[in-house]
Amino acid sequence: MKESDNYIKLVTWSEEDGCYIGSIPGWLGNCCHGDDEVKVYQELSAILEEWIEIYKKDQRRLPPATNRSYSGKFVLRTGADLHRVLALKALQGGESLNSYVVKKLASVVRDGD
C-alpha cells in the first residue's frame, strides 16, 4: 500500500466552473481541474504524491489519514432542547431515538438538503 492510499481523493463536477475539480479533504483543497474526470484524478494523485514527498523532505508530519474504516458510531452533542425534541418525535413515531436520527440523517444525505 502506498502512503497516498491513506487519503481520500475526490473528483467532483462543479456546475459553477463547468469542469471537474480535484481535492484531498482535510489536506489539499481544490487543487486541479479539467474536462476529463480520469485525467483530473490522475493529476490529483500526482499532486498528492508530490506533497507527501515535500513533507518527508522537510521532515514534517503528514496530516491524519482520511481513508480509513468507520465504526458506525460517533458522539453528537445537540443541546438539551434539541435532544428533547428529537426524543419526543422518535417516541411519537414509535421508534428509538437512534433509529429516528439515523433515518433523518440518511434522508438529508440522500436528498442533498
N, C-alpha and C. Protein backbone atom coordinates (compact mmCIF):
# COMPACT_ATOMS: atom_id res chain seq x y z
N MET A 1 0.85 -1.19 0.00
CA MET A 1 0.00 0.00 0.00
C MET A 1 0.89 1.24 0.00
N LYS A 2 0.55 2.18 -0.86
CA LYS A 2 1.28 3.44 -0.91
C LYS A 2 0.75 4.38 0.18
N GLU A 3 1.62 5.27 0.63
CA GLU A 3 1.22 6.24 1.65
C GLU A 3 0.04 7.09 1.18
N SER A 4 -0.01 7.37 -0.11
CA SER A 4 -1.09 8.19 -0.66
C SER A 4 -2.45 7.49 -0.56
N ASP A 5 -2.44 6.16 -0.41
CA ASP A 5 -3.70 5.41 -0.25
C ASP A 5 -4.41 5.74 1.06
N ASN A 6 -3.71 6.41 1.96
CA ASN A 6 -4.30 6.80 3.24
C ASN A 6 -5.20 8.03 3.13
N TYR A 7 -5.27 8.62 1.95
CA TYR A 7 -6.03 9.86 1.78
C TYR A 7 -7.12 9.70 0.73
N ILE A 8 -8.28 10.25 1.03
CA ILE A 8 -9.40 10.23 0.08
C ILE A 8 -9.13 11.25 -1.00
N LYS A 9 -9.26 10.82 -2.24
CA LYS A 9 -9.09 11.70 -3.39
C LYS A 9 -10.47 11.91 -4.01
N LEU A 10 -10.93 13.15 -4.02
CA LEU A 10 -12.27 13.45 -4.55
C LEU A 10 -12.17 14.22 -5.86
N VAL A 11 -12.93 13.74 -6.83
CA VAL A 11 -13.09 14.48 -8.09
C VAL A 11 -14.59 14.68 -8.25
N THR A 12 -15.00 15.92 -8.26
CA THR A 12 -16.43 16.25 -8.36
C THR A 12 -16.67 17.24 -9.50
N TRP A 13 -17.87 17.20 -10.03
CA TRP A 13 -18.25 18.14 -11.08
C TRP A 13 -18.67 19.45 -10.45
N SER A 14 -18.17 20.55 -10.96
CA SER A 14 -18.55 21.88 -10.49
C SER A 14 -19.41 22.56 -11.56
N GLU A 15 -20.69 22.74 -11.25
CA GLU A 15 -21.57 23.45 -12.18
C GLU A 15 -21.08 24.87 -12.39
N GLU A 16 -20.64 25.49 -11.30
CA GLU A 16 -20.18 26.88 -11.35
C GLU A 16 -18.99 27.05 -12.30
N ASP A 17 -18.05 26.11 -12.24
CA ASP A 17 -16.85 26.21 -13.05
C ASP A 17 -16.96 25.48 -14.39
N GLY A 18 -17.95 24.60 -14.51
CA GLY A 18 -18.14 23.85 -15.73
C GLY A 18 -17.03 22.85 -16.00
N CYS A 19 -16.48 22.27 -14.93
CA CYS A 19 -15.41 21.29 -15.09
C CYS A 19 -15.32 20.42 -13.83
N TYR A 20 -14.47 19.40 -13.90
CA TYR A 20 -14.21 18.56 -12.74
C TYR A 20 -13.15 19.22 -11.88
N ILE A 21 -13.31 19.08 -10.56
CA ILE A 21 -12.38 19.67 -9.61
C ILE A 21 -11.86 18.55 -8.70
N GLY A 22 -10.55 18.53 -8.46
CA GLY A 22 -9.94 17.54 -7.59
C GLY A 22 -9.50 18.13 -6.27
N SER A 23 -9.69 17.36 -5.18
CA SER A 23 -9.28 17.82 -3.85
C SER A 23 -8.96 16.61 -2.97
N ILE A 24 -8.23 16.89 -1.90
CA ILE A 24 -7.93 15.90 -0.86
C ILE A 24 -8.52 16.47 0.43
N PRO A 25 -9.74 16.01 0.82
CA PRO A 25 -10.40 16.57 2.01
C PRO A 25 -9.50 16.50 3.24
N GLY A 26 -9.48 17.59 3.98
CA GLY A 26 -8.70 17.64 5.20
C GLY A 26 -7.24 17.98 4.99
N TRP A 27 -6.83 18.14 3.73
CA TRP A 27 -5.43 18.48 3.47
C TRP A 27 -5.32 19.48 2.33
N LEU A 28 -5.62 19.05 1.13
CA LEU A 28 -5.49 19.93 -0.03
C LEU A 28 -6.88 20.29 -0.55
N GLY A 29 -7.17 21.56 -0.60
CA GLY A 29 -8.44 22.00 -1.14
C GLY A 29 -8.49 21.76 -2.64
N ASN A 30 -9.33 22.49 -3.33
CA ASN A 30 -9.42 22.35 -4.78
C ASN A 30 -8.06 22.69 -5.37
N CYS A 31 -7.41 21.68 -5.98
CA CYS A 31 -6.03 21.90 -6.42
C CYS A 31 -5.80 21.56 -7.88
N CYS A 32 -6.80 21.05 -8.58
CA CYS A 32 -6.65 20.81 -10.02
C CYS A 32 -8.05 20.74 -10.63
N HIS A 33 -8.10 20.94 -11.93
CA HIS A 33 -9.40 20.91 -12.60
C HIS A 33 -9.21 20.55 -14.07
N GLY A 34 -10.31 20.17 -14.71
CA GLY A 34 -10.25 19.85 -16.13
C GLY A 34 -11.56 19.25 -16.62
N ASP A 35 -11.64 19.01 -17.91
CA ASP A 35 -12.86 18.48 -18.53
C ASP A 35 -12.96 16.96 -18.48
N ASP A 36 -11.85 16.27 -18.22
CA ASP A 36 -11.80 14.81 -18.22
C ASP A 36 -11.64 14.32 -16.77
N GLU A 37 -12.65 13.64 -16.27
CA GLU A 37 -12.66 13.18 -14.88
C GLU A 37 -11.45 12.30 -14.57
N VAL A 38 -11.11 11.39 -15.45
CA VAL A 38 -9.99 10.47 -15.22
C VAL A 38 -8.66 11.24 -15.18
N LYS A 39 -8.49 12.18 -16.09
CA LYS A 39 -7.25 12.97 -16.12
C LYS A 39 -7.12 13.83 -14.86
N VAL A 40 -8.24 14.37 -14.39
CA VAL A 40 -8.20 15.17 -13.15
C VAL A 40 -7.80 14.27 -11.99
N TYR A 41 -8.34 13.05 -11.94
CA TYR A 41 -7.98 12.12 -10.87
C TYR A 41 -6.49 11.78 -10.94
N GLN A 42 -5.98 11.55 -12.12
CA GLN A 42 -4.55 11.24 -12.28
C GLN A 42 -3.68 12.42 -11.84
N GLU A 43 -4.09 13.62 -12.22
CA GLU A 43 -3.35 14.82 -11.81
C GLU A 43 -3.40 14.99 -10.29
N LEU A 44 -4.57 14.76 -9.72
CA LEU A 44 -4.75 14.86 -8.28
C LEU A 44 -3.84 13.86 -7.56
N SER A 45 -3.78 12.65 -8.06
CA SER A 45 -2.92 11.62 -7.46
C SER A 45 -1.46 12.04 -7.52
N ALA A 46 -1.04 12.62 -8.63
CA ALA A 46 0.35 13.08 -8.77
C ALA A 46 0.64 14.23 -7.81
N ILE A 47 -0.30 15.14 -7.67
CA ILE A 47 -0.13 16.27 -6.74
C ILE A 47 0.01 15.75 -5.32
N LEU A 48 -0.82 14.78 -4.95
CA LEU A 48 -0.74 14.21 -3.60
C LEU A 48 0.62 13.56 -3.37
N GLU A 49 1.11 12.80 -4.34
CA GLU A 49 2.43 12.16 -4.21
C GLU A 49 3.51 13.22 -4.02
N GLU A 50 3.41 14.32 -4.76
CA GLU A 50 4.39 15.40 -4.63
C GLU A 50 4.36 16.02 -3.23
N TRP A 51 3.16 16.24 -2.70
CA TRP A 51 3.06 16.83 -1.36
C TRP A 51 3.59 15.89 -0.29
N ILE A 52 3.36 14.60 -0.45
CA ILE A 52 3.90 13.63 0.50
C ILE A 52 5.42 13.69 0.49
N GLU A 53 6.01 13.77 -0.69
CA GLU A 53 7.47 13.86 -0.80
C GLU A 53 7.99 15.16 -0.18
N ILE A 54 7.29 16.26 -0.40
CA ILE A 54 7.69 17.55 0.19
C ILE A 54 7.68 17.45 1.71
N TYR A 55 6.60 16.88 2.26
CA TYR A 55 6.50 16.75 3.72
C TYR A 55 7.65 15.89 4.25
N LYS A 56 7.93 14.79 3.57
CA LYS A 56 9.01 13.90 4.01
C LYS A 56 10.36 14.60 3.94
N LYS A 57 10.60 15.30 2.84
CA LYS A 57 11.87 16.02 2.66
C LYS A 57 12.06 17.06 3.77
N ASP A 58 10.97 17.75 4.11
CA ASP A 58 11.02 18.78 5.16
C ASP A 58 10.89 18.20 6.56
N GLN A 59 10.79 16.87 6.65
CA GLN A 59 10.63 16.16 7.91
C GLN A 59 9.42 16.66 8.70
N ARG A 60 8.35 16.90 7.96
CA ARG A 60 7.09 17.34 8.58
C ARG A 60 6.18 16.14 8.72
N ARG A 61 5.35 16.17 9.73
CA ARG A 61 4.38 15.11 9.95
C ARG A 61 3.24 15.26 8.95
N LEU A 62 2.88 14.14 8.32
CA LEU A 62 1.76 14.16 7.36
C LEU A 62 0.45 14.39 8.10
N PRO A 63 -0.52 15.03 7.43
CA PRO A 63 -1.84 15.19 8.04
C PRO A 63 -2.46 13.81 8.34
N PRO A 64 -3.41 13.76 9.27
CA PRO A 64 -4.05 12.49 9.61
C PRO A 64 -4.71 11.86 8.38
N ALA A 65 -4.65 10.54 8.32
CA ALA A 65 -5.25 9.80 7.21
C ALA A 65 -6.77 10.02 7.19
N THR A 66 -7.32 10.07 5.98
CA THR A 66 -8.78 10.22 5.85
C THR A 66 -9.41 8.97 5.26
N ASN A 67 -8.62 8.12 4.64
CA ASN A 67 -9.14 6.89 4.05
C ASN A 67 -8.98 5.78 5.07
N ARG A 68 -9.97 5.61 5.91
CA ARG A 68 -9.92 4.65 7.00
C ARG A 68 -11.26 3.97 7.14
N SER A 69 -11.32 3.00 7.99
CA SER A 69 -12.61 2.35 8.22
C SER A 69 -13.37 3.13 9.30
N TYR A 70 -14.67 3.01 9.27
CA TYR A 70 -15.51 3.72 10.23
C TYR A 70 -16.34 2.70 11.00
N SER A 71 -16.51 2.96 12.30
CA SER A 71 -17.20 2.02 13.17
C SER A 71 -18.72 2.10 13.04
N GLY A 72 -19.23 3.23 12.55
CA GLY A 72 -20.67 3.41 12.50
C GLY A 72 -21.20 4.14 13.73
N LYS A 73 -20.29 4.54 14.61
CA LYS A 73 -20.70 5.26 15.82
C LYS A 73 -19.95 6.58 15.91
N PHE A 74 -20.64 7.61 16.36
CA PHE A 74 -20.00 8.86 16.70
C PHE A 74 -20.86 9.57 17.73
N VAL A 75 -20.24 10.45 18.51
CA VAL A 75 -20.94 11.20 19.55
C VAL A 75 -21.39 12.52 18.95
N LEU A 76 -22.65 12.85 19.19
CA LEU A 76 -23.20 14.10 18.68
C LEU A 76 -23.78 14.89 19.85
N ARG A 77 -23.28 16.08 20.06
CA ARG A 77 -23.81 16.93 21.12
C ARG A 77 -24.81 17.89 20.49
N THR A 78 -26.06 17.82 20.95
CA THR A 78 -27.12 18.60 20.33
C THR A 78 -27.62 19.75 21.18
N GLY A 79 -27.39 19.69 22.46
CA GLY A 79 -28.01 20.63 23.37
C GLY A 79 -29.30 20.00 23.90
N ALA A 80 -29.67 20.37 25.11
CA ALA A 80 -30.81 19.73 25.78
C ALA A 80 -32.13 19.92 25.04
N ASP A 81 -32.38 21.12 24.53
CA ASP A 81 -33.66 21.39 23.87
C ASP A 81 -33.84 20.54 22.60
N LEU A 82 -32.83 20.50 21.76
CA LEU A 82 -32.92 19.70 20.54
C LEU A 82 -33.01 18.21 20.88
N HIS A 83 -32.27 17.78 21.88
CA HIS A 83 -32.32 16.39 22.32
C HIS A 83 -33.75 16.01 22.71
N ARG A 84 -34.39 16.88 23.46
CA ARG A 84 -35.77 16.64 23.91
C ARG A 84 -36.72 16.55 22.71
N VAL A 85 -36.61 17.49 21.78
CA VAL A 85 -37.48 17.50 20.60
C VAL A 85 -37.29 16.22 19.79
N LEU A 86 -36.05 15.84 19.54
CA LEU A 86 -35.77 14.63 18.78
C LEU A 86 -36.32 13.39 19.48
N ALA A 87 -36.12 13.32 20.79
CA ALA A 87 -36.61 12.16 21.55
C ALA A 87 -38.13 12.08 21.49
N LEU A 88 -38.81 13.22 21.59
CA LEU A 88 -40.27 13.22 21.52
C LEU A 88 -40.76 12.82 20.12
N LYS A 89 -40.12 13.31 19.09
CA LYS A 89 -40.51 12.93 17.72
C LYS A 89 -40.30 11.44 17.50
N ALA A 90 -39.22 10.91 18.04
CA ALA A 90 -38.97 9.47 17.91
C ALA A 90 -40.05 8.68 18.64
N LEU A 91 -40.41 9.12 19.83
CA LEU A 91 -41.47 8.45 20.59
C LEU A 91 -42.80 8.49 19.85
N GLN A 92 -43.11 9.64 19.27
CA GLN A 92 -44.36 9.78 18.51
C GLN A 92 -44.39 8.82 17.33
N GLY A 93 -43.24 8.55 16.75
CA GLY A 93 -43.16 7.65 15.61
C GLY A 93 -42.99 6.19 16.02
N GLY A 94 -42.92 5.94 17.33
CA GLY A 94 -42.79 4.58 17.83
C GLY A 94 -41.43 3.95 17.54
N GLU A 95 -40.38 4.77 17.52
CA GLU A 95 -39.05 4.23 17.25
C GLU A 95 -38.04 4.79 18.24
N SER A 96 -36.88 4.20 18.25
CA SER A 96 -35.83 4.68 19.15
C SER A 96 -35.28 6.00 18.64
N LEU A 97 -34.66 6.74 19.52
CA LEU A 97 -34.02 8.00 19.14
C LEU A 97 -32.95 7.74 18.09
N ASN A 98 -32.15 6.71 18.29
CA ASN A 98 -31.09 6.38 17.34
C ASN A 98 -31.67 6.11 15.95
N SER A 99 -32.69 5.27 15.88
CA SER A 99 -33.30 4.93 14.60
C SER A 99 -33.88 6.17 13.92
N TYR A 100 -34.54 7.01 14.68
CA TYR A 100 -35.14 8.23 14.14
C TYR A 100 -34.06 9.15 13.56
N VAL A 101 -32.98 9.38 14.32
CA VAL A 101 -31.93 10.29 13.88
C VAL A 101 -31.19 9.72 12.66
N VAL A 102 -30.94 8.42 12.65
CA VAL A 102 -30.27 7.79 11.51
C VAL A 102 -31.11 7.99 10.24
N LYS A 103 -32.43 7.78 10.34
CA LYS A 103 -33.31 7.98 9.17
C LYS A 103 -33.29 9.42 8.70
N LYS A 104 -33.32 10.35 9.62
CA LYS A 104 -33.29 11.77 9.26
C LYS A 104 -31.97 12.15 8.59
N LEU A 105 -30.86 11.68 9.15
CA LEU A 105 -29.56 11.98 8.55
C LEU A 105 -29.45 11.35 7.17
N ALA A 106 -29.91 10.13 7.02
CA ALA A 106 -29.86 9.46 5.73
C ALA A 106 -30.67 10.22 4.68
N SER A 107 -31.82 10.75 5.08
CA SER A 107 -32.64 11.49 4.12
C SER A 107 -31.97 12.80 3.72
N VAL A 108 -31.27 13.42 4.63
CA VAL A 108 -30.55 14.65 4.30
C VAL A 108 -29.43 14.36 3.32
N VAL A 109 -28.68 13.29 3.57
CA VAL A 109 -27.58 12.93 2.66
C VAL A 109 -28.14 12.53 1.30
N ARG A 110 -29.19 11.75 1.29
CA ARG A 110 -29.79 11.27 0.03
C ARG A 110 -30.37 12.41 -0.77
N ASP A 111 -31.09 13.31 -0.10
CA ASP A 111 -31.80 14.40 -0.79
C ASP A 111 -30.94 15.64 -0.99
N GLY A 112 -29.76 15.66 -0.35
CA GLY A 112 -28.85 16.80 -0.52
C GLY A 112 -29.28 18.05 0.20
N ASP A 113 -30.11 17.94 1.20
CA ASP A 113 -30.53 19.13 1.97
C ASP A 113 -29.48 19.53 2.97
